[in-house]
Amino acid sequence: MDTITQQLLQQLAGGAVSQISQKIGADEQATNSALSAAIPLLVSALAKNAAKPEGAQALQQAVTKDHDGSILDDLDGFLGNPESANGAGILKHVLGNQQPLVKKGLTQNTGLDSEQVGMLLQIAAPLVMGMLGKQQQQRGLNADSLSGMLGQEKQLAEQTNPDMMSTINNLLDMNNDGSALDDILGIAGKLLSGKK
Protein backbone atom coordinates (compact mmCIF):
# COMPACT_ATOMS: atom_id res chain seq x y z
CA MET A 1 0.00 0.00 0.00
CA ASP A 2 1.29 3.45 -0.88
CA THR A 3 2.08 5.73 2.00
CA ILE A 4 0.27 9.04 2.55
CA THR A 5 3.37 10.79 1.19
CA GLN A 6 3.41 8.73 -2.01
CA GLN A 7 -0.33 9.12 -2.56
CA LEU A 8 -0.12 12.85 -2.08
CA LEU A 9 2.93 13.32 -4.31
CA GLN A 10 1.22 11.23 -7.02
CA GLN A 11 -1.92 13.33 -6.74
CA LEU A 12 0.08 16.56 -6.98
CA ALA A 13 2.31 15.38 -9.86
CA GLY A 14 2.12 17.66 -12.87
CA GLY A 15 -0.53 20.37 -12.83
CA ALA A 16 -0.80 20.90 -9.09
CA VAL A 17 2.97 21.19 -8.57
CA SER A 18 3.03 23.71 -11.37
CA GLN A 19 0.26 25.73 -9.68
CA ILE A 20 2.04 25.59 -6.32
CA SER A 21 5.31 26.72 -7.90
CA GLN A 22 3.53 29.70 -9.50
CA LYS A 23 1.84 30.51 -6.20
CA ILE A 24 5.12 30.61 -4.25
CA GLY A 25 7.12 32.11 -7.14
CA ALA A 26 9.63 29.26 -7.51
CA ASP A 27 10.58 26.91 -10.32
CA GLU A 28 8.78 23.60 -10.60
CA GLN A 29 11.75 21.35 -9.85
CA ALA A 30 12.67 23.19 -6.64
CA THR A 31 8.99 23.12 -5.61
CA ASN A 32 8.79 19.39 -6.27
CA SER A 33 11.95 18.68 -4.24
CA ALA A 34 10.74 20.85 -1.38
CA LEU A 35 7.35 19.06 -1.34
CA SER A 36 9.15 15.69 -1.29
CA ALA A 37 10.85 16.75 1.91
CA ALA A 38 8.00 18.78 3.46
CA ILE A 39 5.25 16.12 3.19
CA PRO A 40 7.08 13.26 4.97
CA LEU A 41 8.31 15.79 7.50
CA LEU A 42 4.72 16.83 8.29
CA VAL A 43 3.55 13.18 8.42
CA SER A 44 6.39 12.38 10.86
CA ALA A 45 5.56 15.38 13.01
CA LEU A 46 1.91 14.28 13.11
CA ALA A 47 2.97 10.72 14.02
CA LYS A 48 5.09 12.11 16.83
CA ASN A 49 2.22 14.24 18.16
CA ALA A 50 -0.29 11.38 17.84
CA ALA A 51 1.96 8.97 19.74
CA LYS A 52 0.57 10.53 22.94
CA PRO A 53 -3.09 9.70 23.70
CA GLU A 54 -4.08 13.37 24.05
CA GLY A 55 -2.31 14.19 20.77
CA ALA A 56 -4.10 11.35 18.99
CA GLN A 57 -7.45 12.53 20.39
CA ALA A 58 -6.85 16.13 19.29
CA LEU A 59 -5.77 15.00 15.83
CA GLN A 60 -8.78 12.75 15.43
CA GLN A 61 -11.13 15.59 16.41
CA ALA A 62 -9.42 17.97 13.97
CA VAL A 63 -9.62 15.46 11.13
CA THR A 64 -13.27 14.61 11.88
CA LYS A 65 -14.35 18.23 12.26
CA ASP A 66 -12.31 20.12 9.68
CA HIS A 67 -10.48 17.80 7.30
CA ASP A 68 -12.76 15.34 5.54
CA GLY A 69 -10.53 14.95 2.49
CA SER A 70 -12.73 17.03 0.19
CA ILE A 71 -9.79 19.42 -0.30
CA LEU A 72 -8.23 16.70 -2.50
CA ASP A 73 -11.33 16.50 -4.69
CA ASP A 74 -10.98 20.17 -5.63
CA LEU A 75 -7.24 20.81 -5.78
CA ASP A 76 -7.71 23.64 -8.29
CA GLY A 77 -10.14 25.40 -5.96
CA PHE A 78 -7.80 25.02 -2.99
CA LEU A 79 -4.69 26.07 -4.91
CA GLY A 80 -6.57 29.09 -6.22
CA ASN A 81 -7.07 30.25 -2.63
CA PRO A 82 -4.81 28.22 -0.28
CA GLU A 83 -5.17 30.82 2.51
CA SER A 84 -8.76 29.62 3.01
CA ALA A 85 -7.54 26.35 4.58
CA ASN A 86 -5.65 27.93 7.52
CA GLY A 87 -2.33 26.19 6.82
CA ALA A 88 -0.63 28.54 9.28
CA GLY A 89 -2.86 27.32 12.11
CA ILE A 90 -2.23 23.67 11.21
CA LEU A 91 1.54 24.22 11.16
CA LYS A 92 1.38 25.85 14.58
CA HIS A 93 -0.27 22.71 15.98
CA VAL A 94 1.88 20.23 14.08
CA LEU A 95 5.34 21.78 14.32
CA GLY A 96 4.94 24.10 17.31
CA ASN A 97 8.20 25.82 18.24
CA GLN A 98 10.14 23.75 15.70
CA GLN A 99 8.59 25.67 12.82
CA PRO A 100 11.46 28.19 12.46
CA LEU A 101 13.99 25.31 12.42
CA VAL A 102 12.07 23.41 9.78
CA LYS A 103 11.75 26.55 7.69
CA LYS A 104 15.44 27.33 8.05
CA GLY A 105 16.47 23.79 7.16
CA LEU A 106 14.28 23.71 4.07
CA THR A 107 15.45 27.18 3.05
CA GLN A 108 19.11 26.14 3.20
CA ASN A 109 18.52 23.16 0.95
CA THR A 110 15.85 23.98 -1.60
CA GLY A 111 17.02 27.17 -3.20
CA LEU A 112 13.70 28.63 -2.00
CA ASP A 113 13.77 31.63 0.31
CA SER A 114 12.23 31.62 3.74
CA GLU A 115 8.99 33.22 2.57
CA GLN A 116 8.59 30.66 -0.24
CA VAL A 117 9.22 27.77 2.18
CA GLY A 118 6.67 29.23 4.60
CA MET A 119 4.07 29.44 1.82
CA LEU A 120 4.88 25.91 0.63
CA LEU A 121 4.43 24.49 4.15
CA GLN A 122 1.14 26.36 4.53
CA ILE A 123 -0.07 24.78 1.29
CA ALA A 124 1.26 21.28 2.14
CA ALA A 125 -0.19 21.13 5.68
CA PRO A 126 -3.92 21.21 4.73
CA LEU A 127 -3.23 18.66 1.96
CA VAL A 128 -1.60 16.25 4.42
CA MET A 129 -4.55 16.73 6.81
CA GLY A 130 -6.97 16.19 3.91
CA MET A 131 -5.24 12.93 3.00
CA LEU A 132 -5.47 11.85 6.66
CA GLY A 133 -9.16 12.76 6.71
CA LYS A 134 -9.74 10.69 3.59
CA GLN A 135 -7.96 7.70 5.13
CA GLN A 136 -9.92 8.10 8.35
CA GLN A 137 -13.25 8.09 6.50
CA GLN A 138 -12.37 5.19 4.23
CA ARG A 139 -11.05 3.05 7.07
CA GLY A 140 -13.24 4.24 9.96
CA LEU A 141 -10.28 5.16 12.17
CA ASN A 142 -10.64 6.22 15.79
CA ALA A 143 -7.94 8.12 17.73
CA ASP A 144 -5.96 4.94 18.52
CA SER A 145 -6.09 3.51 15.01
CA LEU A 146 -5.26 6.93 13.52
CA SER A 147 -2.21 7.09 15.77
CA GLY A 148 -1.32 3.51 14.79
CA MET A 149 -1.67 4.28 11.09
CA LEU A 150 0.62 7.32 11.38
CA GLY A 151 3.15 5.22 13.29
CA GLN A 152 3.09 2.67 10.46
CA GLU A 153 3.43 5.45 7.87
CA LYS A 154 6.50 6.70 9.68
CA GLN A 155 7.97 3.18 9.88
CA LEU A 156 7.28 2.51 6.20
CA ALA A 157 8.89 5.79 5.24
CA GLU A 158 11.89 4.93 7.43
CA GLN A 159 12.26 1.57 5.64
CA THR A 160 11.81 3.07 2.18
CA ASN A 161 14.00 6.14 2.72
CA PRO A 162 16.11 5.54 5.83
CA ASP A 163 18.51 8.42 5.13
CA MET A 164 15.85 11.05 4.59
CA MET A 165 13.73 9.85 7.51
CA SER A 166 16.60 9.78 9.98
CA THR A 167 17.38 13.36 8.95
CA ILE A 168 13.73 14.34 9.40
CA ASN A 169 13.51 12.63 12.79
CA ASN A 170 16.70 14.37 13.95
CA LEU A 171 15.24 17.68 12.87
CA LEU A 172 11.98 17.11 14.72
CA ASP A 173 13.89 16.10 17.86
CA MET A 174 16.45 18.81 18.03
CA ASN A 175 16.67 22.45 18.97
CA ASN A 176 19.71 23.77 17.18
CA ASP A 177 20.29 25.37 13.80
CA GLY A 178 18.39 23.07 11.47
CA SER A 179 21.55 21.75 9.82
CA ALA A 180 20.23 18.17 10.03
CA LEU A 181 18.27 18.97 6.88
CA ASP A 182 21.46 19.44 4.88
CA ASP A 183 21.09 16.28 2.83
CA ILE A 184 17.32 15.88 2.86
CA LEU A 185 16.72 17.21 -0.61
CA GLY A 186 19.28 15.07 -2.39
CA ILE A 187 17.59 12.09 -0.80
CA ALA A 188 14.12 13.44 -1.59
CA GLY A 189 15.11 13.34 -5.25
CA LYS A 190 15.67 9.58 -4.93
CA LEU A 191 12.21 9.20 -3.42
CA LEU A 192 10.63 10.77 -6.48
CA SER A 193 12.74 9.09 -9.14
CA GLY A 194 11.73 5.65 -7.89
CA LYS A 195 8.02 6.43 -7.68
CA LYS A 196 7.17 8.03 -11.02
C-alpha atoms as a PDB file:
ATOM      1  CA  MET A   1       0.000   0.000   0.000  1.00  0.00           C
ATOM      2  CA  ASP A   2       1.288   3.446  -0.880  1.00  0.00           C
ATOM      3  CA  THR A   3       2.081   5.730   2.003  1.00  0.00           C
ATOM      4  CA  ILE A   4       0.273   9.040   2.546  1.00  0.00           C
ATOM      5  CA  THR A   5       3.374  10.792   1.193  1.00  0.00           C
ATOM      6  CA  GLN A   6       3.414   8.733  -2.008  1.00  0.00           C
ATOM      7  CA  GLN A   7      -0.328   9.118  -2.559  1.00  0.00           C
ATOM      8  CA  LEU A   8      -0.123  12.855  -2.076  1.00  0.00           C
ATOM      9  CA  LEU A   9       2.927  13.322  -4.311  1.00  0.00           C
ATOM     10  CA  GLN A  10       1.219  11.233  -7.016  1.00  0.00           C
ATOM     11  CA  GLN A  11      -1.923  13.330  -6.744  1.00  0.00           C
ATOM     12  CA  LEU A  12       0.078  16.557  -6.978  1.00  0.00           C
ATOM     13  CA  ALA A  13       2.308  15.385  -9.864  1.00  0.00           C
ATOM     14  CA  GLY A  14       2.116  17.662 -12.866  1.00  0.00           C
ATOM     15  CA  GLY A  15      -0.525  20.375 -12.834  1.00  0.00           C
ATOM     16  CA  ALA A  16      -0.803  20.898  -9.087  1.00  0.00           C
ATOM     17  CA  VAL A  17       2.968  21.194  -8.565  1.00  0.00           C
ATOM     18  CA  SER A  18       3.027  23.714 -11.375  1.00  0.00           C
ATOM     19  CA  GLN A  19       0.260  25.734  -9.677  1.00  0.00           C
ATOM     20  CA  ILE A  20       2.044  25.588  -6.322  1.00  0.00           C
ATOM     21  CA  SER A  21       5.310  26.722  -7.903  1.00  0.00           C
ATOM     22  CA  GLN A  22       3.528  29.703  -9.495  1.00  0.00           C
ATOM     23  CA  LYS A  23       1.837  30.513  -6.200  1.00  0.00           C
ATOM     24  CA  ILE A  24       5.116  30.606  -4.254  1.00  0.00           C
ATOM     25  CA  GLY A  25       7.120  32.106  -7.139  1.00  0.00           C
ATOM     26  CA  ALA A  26       9.630  29.265  -7.507  1.00  0.00           C
ATOM     27  CA  ASP A  27      10.582  26.911 -10.317  1.00  0.00           C
ATOM     28  CA  GLU A  28       8.784  23.602 -10.596  1.00  0.00           C
ATOM     29  CA  GLN A  29      11.751  21.355  -9.852  1.00  0.00           C
ATOM     30  CA  ALA A  30      12.666  23.194  -6.642  1.00  0.00           C
ATOM     31  CA  THR A  31       8.991  23.122  -5.608  1.00  0.00           C
ATOM     32  CA  ASN A  32       8.787  19.393  -6.269  1.00  0.00           C
ATOM     33  CA  SER A  33      11.945  18.684  -4.241  1.00  0.00           C
ATOM     34  CA  ALA A  34      10.739  20.848  -1.383  1.00  0.00           C
ATOM     35  CA  LEU A  35       7.352  19.063  -1.338  1.00  0.00           C
ATOM     36  CA  SER A  36       9.149  15.693  -1.290  1.00  0.00           C
ATOM     37  CA  ALA A  37      10.848  16.755   1.914  1.00  0.00           C
ATOM     38  CA  ALA A  38       7.998  18.779   3.464  1.00  0.00           C
ATOM     39  CA  ILE A  39       5.247  16.122   3.185  1.00  0.00           C
ATOM     40  CA  PRO A  40       7.076  13.256   4.973  1.00  0.00           C
ATOM     41  CA  LEU A  41       8.307  15.792   7.503  1.00  0.00           C
ATOM     42  CA  LEU A  42       4.716  16.825   8.290  1.00  0.00           C
ATOM     43  CA  VAL A  43       3.551  13.178   8.415  1.00  0.00           C
ATOM     44  CA  SER A  44       6.386  12.378  10.858  1.00  0.00           C
ATOM     45  CA  ALA A  45       5.561  15.379  13.011  1.00  0.00           C
ATOM     46  CA  LEU A  46       1.906  14.276  13.109  1.00  0.00           C
ATOM     47  CA  ALA A  47       2.970  10.723  14.019  1.00  0.00           C
ATOM     48  CA  LYS A  48       5.094  12.108  16.832  1.00  0.00           C
ATOM     49  CA  ASN A  49       2.217  14.240  18.163  1.00  0.00           C
ATOM     50  CA  ALA A  50      -0.292  11.382  17.839  1.00  0.00           C
ATOM     51  CA  ALA A  51       1.963   8.967  19.745  1.00  0.00           C
ATOM     52  CA  LYS A  52       0.568  10.530  22.942  1.00  0.00           C
ATOM     53  CA  PRO A  53      -3.092   9.702  23.695  1.00  0.00           C
ATOM     54  CA  GLU A  54      -4.078  13.373  24.048  1.00  0.00           C
ATOM     55  CA  GLY A  55      -2.309  14.193  20.773  1.00  0.00           C
ATOM     56  CA  ALA A  56      -4.104  11.350  18.988  1.00  0.00           C
ATOM     57  CA  GLN A  57      -7.446  12.534  20.393  1.00  0.00           C
ATOM     58  CA  ALA A  58      -6.848  16.127  19.293  1.00  0.00           C
ATOM     59  CA  LEU A  59      -5.773  15.001  15.828  1.00  0.00           C
ATOM     60  CA  GLN A  60      -8.784  12.749  15.432  1.00  0.00           C
ATOM     61  CA  GLN A  61     -11.128  15.595  16.409  1.00  0.00           C
ATOM     62  CA  ALA A  62      -9.421  17.972  13.974  1.00  0.00           C
ATOM     63  CA  VAL A  63      -9.624  15.457  11.130  1.00  0.00           C
ATOM     64  CA  THR A  64     -13.265  14.615  11.881  1.00  0.00           C
ATOM     65  CA  LYS A  65     -14.355  18.225  12.257  1.00  0.00           C
ATOM     66  CA  ASP A  66     -12.305  20.122   9.685  1.00  0.00           C
ATOM     67  CA  HIS A  67     -10.476  17.798   7.298  1.00  0.00           C
ATOM     68  CA  ASP A  68     -12.757  15.336   5.544  1.00  0.00           C
ATOM     69  CA  GLY A  69     -10.527  14.947   2.490  1.00  0.00           C
ATOM     70  CA  SER A  70     -12.733  17.032   0.189  1.00  0.00           C
ATOM     71  CA  ILE A  71      -9.792  19.422  -0.297  1.00  0.00           C
ATOM     72  CA  LEU A  72      -8.226  16.703  -2.499  1.00  0.00           C
ATOM     73  CA  ASP A  73     -11.332  16.504  -4.689  1.00  0.00           C
ATOM     74  CA  ASP A  74     -10.984  20.167  -5.630  1.00  0.00           C
ATOM     75  CA  LEU A  75      -7.240  20.807  -5.778  1.00  0.00           C
ATOM     76  CA  ASP A  76      -7.711  23.636  -8.291  1.00  0.00           C
ATOM     77  CA  GLY A  77     -10.141  25.399  -5.962  1.00  0.00           C
ATOM     78  CA  PHE A  78      -7.801  25.020  -2.987  1.00  0.00           C
ATOM     79  CA  LEU A  79      -4.690  26.072  -4.912  1.00  0.00           C
ATOM     80  CA  GLY A  80      -6.566  29.086  -6.225  1.00  0.00           C
ATOM     81  CA  ASN A  81      -7.071  30.253  -2.634  1.00  0.00           C
ATOM     82  CA  PRO A  82      -4.815  28.223  -0.278  1.00  0.00           C
ATOM     83  CA  GLU A  83      -5.174  30.818   2.508  1.00  0.00           C
ATOM     84  CA  SER A  84      -8.758  29.621   3.009  1.00  0.00           C
ATOM     85  CA  ALA A  85      -7.540  26.352   4.583  1.00  0.00           C
ATOM     86  CA  ASN A  86      -5.645  27.925   7.517  1.00  0.00           C
ATOM     87  CA  GLY A  87      -2.329  26.193   6.823  1.00  0.00           C
ATOM     88  CA  ALA A  88      -0.627  28.538   9.279  1.00  0.00           C
ATOM     89  CA  GLY A  89      -2.860  27.318  12.112  1.00  0.00           C
ATOM     90  CA  ILE A  90      -2.234  23.667  11.212  1.00  0.00           C
ATOM     91  CA  LEU A  91       1.544  24.216  11.162  1.00  0.00           C
ATOM     92  CA  LYS A  92       1.379  25.854  14.582  1.00  0.00           C
ATOM     93  CA  HIS A  93      -0.270  22.712  15.984  1.00  0.00           C
ATOM     94  CA  VAL A  94       1.877  20.228  14.083  1.00  0.00           C
ATOM     95  CA  LEU A  95       5.345  21.782  14.316  1.00  0.00           C
ATOM     96  CA  GLY A  96       4.945  24.098  17.309  1.00  0.00           C
ATOM     97  CA  ASN A  97       8.197  25.817  18.240  1.00  0.00           C
ATOM     98  CA  GLN A  98      10.139  23.752  15.695  1.00  0.00           C
ATOM     99  CA  GLN A  99       8.586  25.672  12.816  1.00  0.00           C
ATOM    100  CA  PRO A 100      11.461  28.189  12.455  1.00  0.00           C
ATOM    101  CA  LEU A 101      13.994  25.306  12.415  1.00  0.00           C
ATOM    102  CA  VAL A 102      12.069  23.411   9.785  1.00  0.00           C
ATOM    103  CA  LYS A 103      11.751  26.550   7.688  1.00  0.00           C
ATOM    104  CA  LYS A 104      15.438  27.332   8.046  1.00  0.00           C
ATOM    105  CA  GLY A 105      16.473  23.786   7.155  1.00  0.00           C
ATOM    106  CA  LEU A 106      14.280  23.708   4.067  1.00  0.00           C
ATOM    107  CA  THR A 107      15.447  27.183   3.048  1.00  0.00           C
ATOM    108  CA  GLN A 108      19.107  26.141   3.201  1.00  0.00           C
ATOM    109  CA  ASN A 109      18.519  23.160   0.946  1.00  0.00           C
ATOM    110  CA  THR A 110      15.853  23.982  -1.600  1.00  0.00           C
ATOM    111  CA  GLY A 111      17.016  27.169  -3.197  1.00  0.00           C
ATOM    112  CA  LEU A 112      13.701  28.630  -1.996  1.00  0.00           C
ATOM    113  CA  ASP A 113      13.774  31.627   0.305  1.00  0.00           C
ATOM    114  CA  SER A 114      12.231  31.624   3.743  1.00  0.00           C
ATOM    115  CA  GLU A 115       8.993  33.224   2.568  1.00  0.00           C
ATOM    116  CA  GLN A 116       8.585  30.664  -0.243  1.00  0.00           C
ATOM    117  CA  VAL A 117       9.219  27.772   2.175  1.00  0.00           C
ATOM    118  CA  GLY A 118       6.672  29.234   4.595  1.00  0.00           C
ATOM    119  CA  MET A 119       4.070  29.445   1.820  1.00  0.00           C
ATOM    120  CA  LEU A 120       4.885  25.913   0.634  1.00  0.00           C
ATOM    121  CA  LEU A 121       4.435  24.494   4.151  1.00  0.00           C
ATOM    122  CA  GLN A 122       1.136  26.364   4.535  1.00  0.00           C
ATOM    123  CA  ILE A 123      -0.075  24.776   1.287  1.00  0.00           C
ATOM    124  CA  ALA A 124       1.256  21.281   2.138  1.00  0.00           C
ATOM    125  CA  ALA A 125      -0.192  21.127   5.680  1.00  0.00           C
ATOM    126  CA  PRO A 126      -3.923  21.209   4.734  1.00  0.00           C
ATOM    127  CA  LEU A 127      -3.229  18.663   1.957  1.00  0.00           C
ATOM    128  CA  VAL A 128      -1.603  16.249   4.416  1.00  0.00           C
ATOM    129  CA  MET A 129      -4.548  16.732   6.807  1.00  0.00           C
ATOM    130  CA  GLY A 130      -6.973  16.189   3.913  1.00  0.00           C
ATOM    131  CA  MET A 131      -5.241  12.934   2.999  1.00  0.00           C
ATOM    132  CA  LEU A 132      -5.467  11.850   6.665  1.00  0.00           C
ATOM    133  CA  GLY A 133      -9.163  12.755   6.712  1.00  0.00           C
ATOM    134  CA  LYS A 134      -9.739  10.691   3.594  1.00  0.00           C
ATOM    135  CA  GLN A 135      -7.958   7.696   5.135  1.00  0.00           C
ATOM    136  CA  GLN A 136      -9.924   8.102   8.352  1.00  0.00           C
ATOM    137  CA  GLN A 137     -13.246   8.090   6.502  1.00  0.00           C
ATOM    138  CA  GLN A 138     -12.366   5.188   4.235  1.00  0.00           C
ATOM    139  CA  ARG A 139     -11.046   3.050   7.066  1.00  0.00           C
ATOM    140  CA  GLY A 140     -13.241   4.243   9.958  1.00  0.00           C
ATOM    141  CA  LEU A 141     -10.278   5.160  12.167  1.00  0.00           C
ATOM    142  CA  ASN A 142     -10.644   6.225  15.795  1.00  0.00           C
ATOM    143  CA  ALA A 143      -7.937   8.121  17.730  1.00  0.00           C
ATOM    144  CA  ASP A 144      -5.965   4.939  18.516  1.00  0.00           C
ATOM    145  CA  SER A 145      -6.086   3.515  15.010  1.00  0.00           C
ATOM    146  CA  LEU A 146      -5.261   6.932  13.517  1.00  0.00           C
ATOM    147  CA  SER A 147      -2.206   7.087  15.767  1.00  0.00           C
ATOM    148  CA  GLY A 148      -1.317   3.505  14.787  1.00  0.00           C
ATOM    149  CA  MET A 149      -1.671   4.278  11.092  1.00  0.00           C
ATOM    150  CA  LEU A 150       0.620   7.318  11.382  1.00  0.00           C
ATOM    151  CA  GLY A 151       3.148   5.224  13.290  1.00  0.00           C
ATOM    152  CA  GLN A 152       3.088   2.674  10.459  1.00  0.00           C
ATOM    153  CA  GLU A 153       3.428   5.454   7.874  1.00  0.00           C
ATOM    154  CA  LYS A 154       6.500   6.704   9.681  1.00  0.00           C
ATOM    155  CA  GLN A 155       7.972   3.182   9.877  1.00  0.00           C
ATOM    156  CA  LEU A 156       7.279   2.510   6.201  1.00  0.00           C
ATOM    157  CA  ALA A 157       8.894   5.792   5.242  1.00  0.00           C
ATOM    158  CA  GLU A 158      11.892   4.926   7.427  1.00  0.00           C
ATOM    159  CA  GLN A 159      12.262   1.573   5.642  1.00  0.00           C
ATOM    160  CA  THR A 160      11.811   3.073   2.176  1.00  0.00           C
ATOM    161  CA  ASN A 161      14.002   6.145   2.723  1.00  0.00           C
ATOM    162  CA  PRO A 162      16.113   5.543   5.828  1.00  0.00           C
ATOM    163  CA  ASP A 163      18.513   8.421   5.128  1.00  0.00           C
ATOM    164  CA  MET A 164      15.851  11.049   4.588  1.00  0.00           C
ATOM    165  CA  MET A 165      13.726   9.852   7.511  1.00  0.00           C
ATOM    166  CA  SER A 166      16.598   9.784   9.981  1.00  0.00           C
ATOM    167  CA  THR A 167      17.384  13.357   8.950  1.00  0.00           C
ATOM    168  CA  ILE A 168      13.726  14.341   9.404  1.00  0.00           C
ATOM    169  CA  ASN A 169      13.514  12.635  12.792  1.00  0.00           C
ATOM    170  CA  ASN A 170      16.696  14.371  13.945  1.00  0.00           C
ATOM    171  CA  LEU A 171      15.243  17.680  12.874  1.00  0.00           C
ATOM    172  CA  LEU A 172      11.982  17.107  14.719  1.00  0.00           C
ATOM    173  CA  ASP A 173      13.887  16.102  17.861  1.00  0.00           C
ATOM    174  CA  MET A 174      16.454  18.814  18.030  1.00  0.00           C
ATOM    175  CA  ASN A 175      16.672  22.446  18.974  1.00  0.00           C
ATOM    176  CA  ASN A 176      19.715  23.772  17.177  1.00  0.00           C
ATOM    177  CA  ASP A 177      20.288  25.374  13.799  1.00  0.00           C
ATOM    178  CA  GLY A 178      18.388  23.067  11.465  1.00  0.00           C
ATOM    179  CA  SER A 179      21.555  21.749   9.819  1.00  0.00           C
ATOM    180  CA  ALA A 180      20.234  18.171  10.030  1.00  0.00           C
ATOM    181  CA  LEU A 181      18.269  18.970   6.885  1.00  0.00           C
ATOM    182  CA  ASP A 182      21.460  19.438   4.877  1.00  0.00           C
ATOM    183  CA  ASP A 183      21.085  16.276   2.834  1.00  0.00           C
ATOM    184  CA  ILE A 184      17.317  15.878   2.860  1.00  0.00           C
ATOM    185  CA  LEU A 185      16.722  17.211  -0.613  1.00  0.00           C
ATOM    186  CA  GLY A 186      19.279  15.071  -2.389  1.00  0.00           C
ATOM    187  CA  ILE A 187      17.585  12.086  -0.801  1.00  0.00           C
ATOM    188  CA  ALA A 188      14.115  13.442  -1.586  1.00  0.00           C
ATOM    189  CA  GLY A 189      15.115  13.341  -5.253  1.00  0.00           C
ATOM    190  CA  LYS A 190      15.673   9.580  -4.933  1.00  0.00           C
ATOM    191  CA  LEU A 191      12.207   9.204  -3.415  1.00  0.00           C
ATOM    192  CA  LEU A 192      10.634  10.775  -6.481  1.00  0.00           C
ATOM    193  CA  SER A 193      12.740   9.095  -9.140  1.00  0.00           C
ATOM    194  CA  GLY A 194      11.726   5.650  -7.892  1.00  0.00           C
ATOM    195  CA  LYS A 195       8.025   6.427  -7.681  1.00  0.00           C
ATOM    196  CA  LYS A 196       7.171   8.029 -11.019  1.00  0.00           C
END
